[in-house]
Amino acid sequence: MLIIRVYGPGCSRCEKAFDTMDEALTQAGVEGRIEKVSDVQEMVRAAVIATPVIEIDGRVVCRGRTPGVSEAVTWIMNAAAQEE
């Protein structure tokens, strides 16, 4: 199961990134869980500078922008293939 984390303070771009990743996970048909991370201390530990930051299974795939759904599906499919 993939763990997708979306780091950000809860701004509209971060919310859109969360929604995009949720839609991409559904479209990919991959088992996974999406977490919102808005705790400042946790963002500091993860070295988040520009938000949103999207991480899949501990690997940062996007920083400082909101991806499109098709791009996010590709990331999810690649991460799922590495899990097998």
N, C-alpha and C. Protein backbone atom coordinates (compact mmCIF):
# COMPACT_ATOMS: atom_id res chain seq x y z
N MET A 1 0.85 -1.18 0.00
CA MET A 1 0.00 0.00 0.00
C MET A 1 0.89 1.24 0.00
N LEU A 2 0.60 2.16 -0.92
CA LEU A 2 1.36 3.40 -1.00
C LEU A 2 0.94 4.37 0.09
N ILE A 3 1.91 5.12 0.59
CA ILE A 3 1.64 6.20 1.52
C ILE A 3 2.00 7.50 0.80
N ILE A 4 1.00 8.32 0.58
CA ILE A 4 1.18 9.60 -0.10
C ILE A 4 0.98 10.69 0.94
N ARG A 5 1.96 11.58 1.03
CA ARG A 5 1.86 12.69 1.98
C ARG A 5 1.90 14.00 1.21
N VAL A 6 0.97 14.89 1.55
CA VAL A 6 0.93 16.22 0.95
C VAL A 6 1.22 17.21 2.08
N TYR A 7 2.40 17.85 1.99
CA TYR A 7 2.82 18.82 2.99
C TYR A 7 2.39 20.21 2.58
N GLY A 8 1.84 20.97 3.53
CA GLY A 8 1.47 22.35 3.27
C GLY A 8 0.63 22.90 4.40
N PRO A 9 0.52 24.23 4.47
CA PRO A 9 -0.19 24.87 5.57
C PRO A 9 -1.71 24.86 5.45
N GLY A 10 -2.23 24.27 4.39
CA GLY A 10 -3.69 24.24 4.21
C GLY A 10 -4.18 25.32 3.27
N CYS A 11 -3.28 25.90 2.50
CA CYS A 11 -3.67 26.93 1.53
C CYS A 11 -4.44 26.27 0.38
N SER A 12 -4.97 27.09 -0.50
CA SER A 12 -5.78 26.55 -1.60
C SER A 12 -4.95 25.67 -2.53
N ARG A 13 -3.69 26.02 -2.78
CA ARG A 13 -2.84 25.18 -3.64
C ARG A 13 -2.59 23.82 -3.00
N CYS A 14 -2.41 23.80 -1.69
CA CYS A 14 -2.16 22.54 -0.99
C CYS A 14 -3.42 21.67 -0.98
N GLU A 15 -4.56 22.30 -0.80
CA GLU A 15 -5.82 21.55 -0.85
C GLU A 15 -6.04 20.97 -2.24
N LYS A 16 -5.72 21.77 -3.27
CA LYS A 16 -5.87 21.28 -4.64
C LYS A 16 -4.91 20.12 -4.89
N ALA A 17 -3.70 20.20 -4.37
CA ALA A 17 -2.73 19.11 -4.53
C ALA A 17 -3.25 17.84 -3.87
N PHE A 18 -3.85 17.97 -2.68
CA PHE A 18 -4.43 16.81 -2.00
C PHE A 18 -5.55 16.21 -2.85
N ASP A 19 -6.44 17.04 -3.35
CA ASP A 19 -7.55 16.55 -4.18
C ASP A 19 -7.05 15.89 -5.46
N THR A 20 -6.01 16.47 -6.06
CA THR A 20 -5.41 15.89 -7.26
C THR A 20 -4.85 14.51 -6.98
N MET A 21 -4.14 14.37 -5.87
CA MET A 21 -3.55 13.08 -5.53
C MET A 21 -4.64 12.05 -5.21
N ASP A 22 -5.71 12.49 -4.58
CA ASP A 22 -6.83 11.60 -4.29
C ASP A 22 -7.46 11.08 -5.58
N GLU A 23 -7.69 11.97 -6.53
CA GLU A 23 -8.26 11.58 -7.82
C GLU A 23 -7.29 10.67 -8.58
N ALA A 24 -6.01 10.99 -8.54
CA ALA A 24 -5.01 10.17 -9.24
C ALA A 24 -4.93 8.77 -8.65
N LEU A 25 -5.02 8.66 -7.35
CA LEU A 25 -4.99 7.35 -6.69
C LEU A 25 -6.19 6.52 -7.13
N THR A 26 -7.35 7.15 -7.20
CA THR A 26 -8.56 6.47 -7.67
C THR A 26 -8.41 6.03 -9.12
N GLN A 27 -7.93 6.92 -9.97
CA GLN A 27 -7.77 6.58 -11.39
C GLN A 27 -6.73 5.48 -11.60
N ALA A 28 -5.69 5.49 -10.79
CA ALA A 28 -4.63 4.48 -10.93
C ALA A 28 -5.09 3.10 -10.46
N GLY A 29 -6.11 3.08 -9.60
CA GLY A 29 -6.60 1.81 -9.08
C GLY A 29 -5.61 1.11 -8.17
N VAL A 30 -4.78 1.89 -7.52
CA VAL A 30 -3.74 1.36 -6.64
C VAL A 30 -4.17 1.56 -5.19
N GLU A 31 -3.85 0.59 -4.35
CA GLU A 31 -4.18 0.71 -2.93
C GLU A 31 -3.21 1.69 -2.28
N GLY A 32 -3.77 2.66 -1.58
CA GLY A 32 -2.91 3.65 -0.94
C GLY A 32 -3.68 4.51 0.04
N ARG A 33 -2.92 5.31 0.75
CA ARG A 33 -3.50 6.22 1.75
C ARG A 33 -2.86 7.59 1.53
N ILE A 34 -3.66 8.64 1.61
CA ILE A 34 -3.16 10.00 1.46
C ILE A 34 -3.28 10.71 2.80
N GLU A 35 -2.19 11.37 3.19
CA GLU A 35 -2.16 12.10 4.46
C GLU A 35 -1.87 13.57 4.18
N LYS A 36 -2.58 14.45 4.89
CA LYS A 36 -2.27 15.88 4.87
C LYS A 36 -1.32 16.14 6.03
N VAL A 37 -0.24 16.84 5.75
CA VAL A 37 0.72 17.18 6.80
C VAL A 37 0.80 18.70 6.86
N SER A 38 0.24 19.28 7.92
CA SER A 38 0.27 20.73 8.07
C SER A 38 0.99 21.17 9.34
N ASP A 39 1.48 20.21 10.12
CA ASP A 39 2.21 20.52 11.34
C ASP A 39 3.56 21.15 10.97
N VAL A 40 3.81 22.35 11.48
CA VAL A 40 5.02 23.09 11.12
C VAL A 40 6.28 22.32 11.50
N GLN A 41 6.31 21.72 12.68
CA GLN A 41 7.49 20.97 13.11
C GLN A 41 7.78 19.81 12.18
N GLU A 42 6.74 19.12 11.76
CA GLU A 42 6.92 18.00 10.84
C GLU A 42 7.40 18.49 9.47
N MET A 43 6.89 19.64 9.03
CA MET A 43 7.35 20.20 7.76
C MET A 43 8.81 20.62 7.85
N VAL A 44 9.23 21.16 8.99
CA VAL A 44 10.64 21.53 9.18
C VAL A 44 11.52 20.29 9.13
N ARG A 45 11.10 19.21 9.81
CA ARG A 45 11.87 17.96 9.80
C ARG A 45 12.00 17.39 8.39
N ALA A 46 10.98 17.59 7.57
CA ALA A 46 11.00 17.08 6.20
C ALA A 46 11.67 18.07 5.23
N ALA A 47 12.20 19.17 5.76
CA ALA A 47 12.89 20.19 4.96
C ALA A 47 11.99 20.79 3.88
N VAL A 48 10.73 21.00 4.22
CA VAL A 48 9.78 21.62 3.29
C VAL A 48 10.05 23.12 3.24
N ILE A 49 10.33 23.62 2.04
CA ILE A 49 10.58 25.04 1.87
C ILE A 49 9.44 25.68 1.08
N ALA A 50 9.15 25.14 -0.10
CA ALA A 50 8.06 25.64 -0.94
C ALA A 50 6.93 24.62 -0.92
N THR A 51 5.71 25.09 -0.73
CA THR A 51 4.58 24.16 -0.66
C THR A 51 3.72 24.31 -1.90
N PRO A 52 2.96 23.28 -2.22
CA PRO A 52 2.91 21.99 -1.55
C PRO A 52 4.10 21.10 -1.93
N VAL A 53 4.38 20.15 -1.05
CA VAL A 53 5.35 19.10 -1.33
C VAL A 53 4.57 17.79 -1.32
N ILE A 54 4.79 16.97 -2.34
CA ILE A 54 4.12 15.67 -2.43
C ILE A 54 5.17 14.59 -2.35
N GLU A 55 4.93 13.66 -1.45
CA GLU A 55 5.86 12.56 -1.20
C GLU A 55 5.10 11.25 -1.37
N ILE A 56 5.70 10.31 -2.07
CA ILE A 56 5.11 8.98 -2.23
C ILE A 56 6.11 7.97 -1.68
N ASP A 57 5.68 7.25 -0.65
CA ASP A 57 6.54 6.25 0.01
C ASP A 57 7.91 6.82 0.36
N GLY A 58 7.92 8.03 0.93
CA GLY A 58 9.15 8.63 1.41
C GLY A 58 9.98 9.34 0.36
N ARG A 59 9.54 9.35 -0.88
CA ARG A 59 10.29 10.00 -1.97
C ARG A 59 9.52 11.22 -2.46
N VAL A 60 10.17 12.38 -2.43
CA VAL A 60 9.54 13.61 -2.91
C VAL A 60 9.42 13.55 -4.43
N VAL A 61 8.20 13.74 -4.92
CA VAL A 61 7.96 13.71 -6.36
C VAL A 61 7.58 15.08 -6.92
N CYS A 62 7.21 16.01 -6.04
CA CYS A 62 6.79 17.33 -6.50
C CYS A 62 6.99 18.34 -5.38
N ARG A 63 7.46 19.53 -5.77
CA ARG A 63 7.73 20.57 -4.78
C ARG A 63 7.35 21.93 -5.34
N GLY A 64 6.52 22.67 -4.59
CA GLY A 64 6.23 24.05 -4.95
C GLY A 64 5.21 24.28 -6.05
N ARG A 65 4.50 23.23 -6.45
CA ARG A 65 3.47 23.39 -7.49
C ARG A 65 2.42 22.29 -7.33
N THR A 66 1.29 22.49 -7.98
CA THR A 66 0.23 21.50 -7.97
C THR A 66 0.26 20.75 -9.30
N PRO A 67 0.44 19.44 -9.26
CA PRO A 67 0.54 18.67 -10.51
C PRO A 67 -0.83 18.44 -11.14
N GLY A 68 -0.81 18.03 -12.39
CA GLY A 68 -2.02 17.58 -13.05
C GLY A 68 -2.31 16.14 -12.66
N VAL A 69 -3.53 15.71 -12.83
CA VAL A 69 -3.92 14.35 -12.45
C VAL A 69 -3.14 13.31 -13.23
N SER A 70 -2.98 13.50 -14.54
CA SER A 70 -2.28 12.49 -15.34
C SER A 70 -0.82 12.34 -14.90
N GLU A 71 -0.18 13.44 -14.56
CA GLU A 71 1.19 13.38 -14.06
C GLU A 71 1.24 12.62 -12.73
N ALA A 72 0.28 12.89 -11.86
CA ALA A 72 0.23 12.22 -10.56
C ALA A 72 -0.05 10.72 -10.71
N VAL A 73 -0.89 10.35 -11.67
CA VAL A 73 -1.15 8.93 -11.93
C VAL A 73 0.15 8.23 -12.32
N THR A 74 0.96 8.88 -13.14
CA THR A 74 2.24 8.30 -13.55
C THR A 74 3.13 8.07 -12.34
N TRP A 75 3.22 9.04 -11.44
CA TRP A 75 4.03 8.87 -10.23
C TRP A 75 3.54 7.69 -9.41
N ILE A 76 2.22 7.60 -9.26
CA ILE A 76 1.64 6.52 -8.45
C ILE A 76 1.91 5.17 -9.09
N MET A 77 1.72 5.07 -10.38
CA MET A 77 1.97 3.79 -11.07
C MET A 77 3.44 3.39 -10.97
N ASN A 78 4.35 4.34 -11.11
CA ASN A 78 5.77 4.05 -10.98
C ASN A 78 6.12 3.59 -9.56
N ALA A 79 5.56 4.25 -8.56
CA ALA A 79 5.82 3.86 -7.18
C ALA A 79 5.24 2.48 -6.88
N ALA A 80 4.05 2.20 -7.40
CA ALA A 80 3.43 0.89 -7.19
C ALA A 80 4.26 -0.21 -7.84
N ALA A 81 4.82 0.06 -9.01
CA ALA A 81 5.65 -0.94 -9.70
C ALA A 81 6.92 -1.23 -8.90
N GLN A 82 7.46 -0.24 -8.22
CA GLN A 82 8.66 -0.43 -7.41
C GLN A 82 8.36 -1.24 -6.15
N GLU A 83 7.11 -1.20 -5.68
CA GLU A 83 6.72 -1.96 -4.49
C GLU A 83 6.67 -3.45 -4.75
N GLU A 84 6.40 -3.84 -5.99
CA GLU A 84 6.19 -5.25 -6.31
C GLU A 84 7.46 -6.05 -6.21
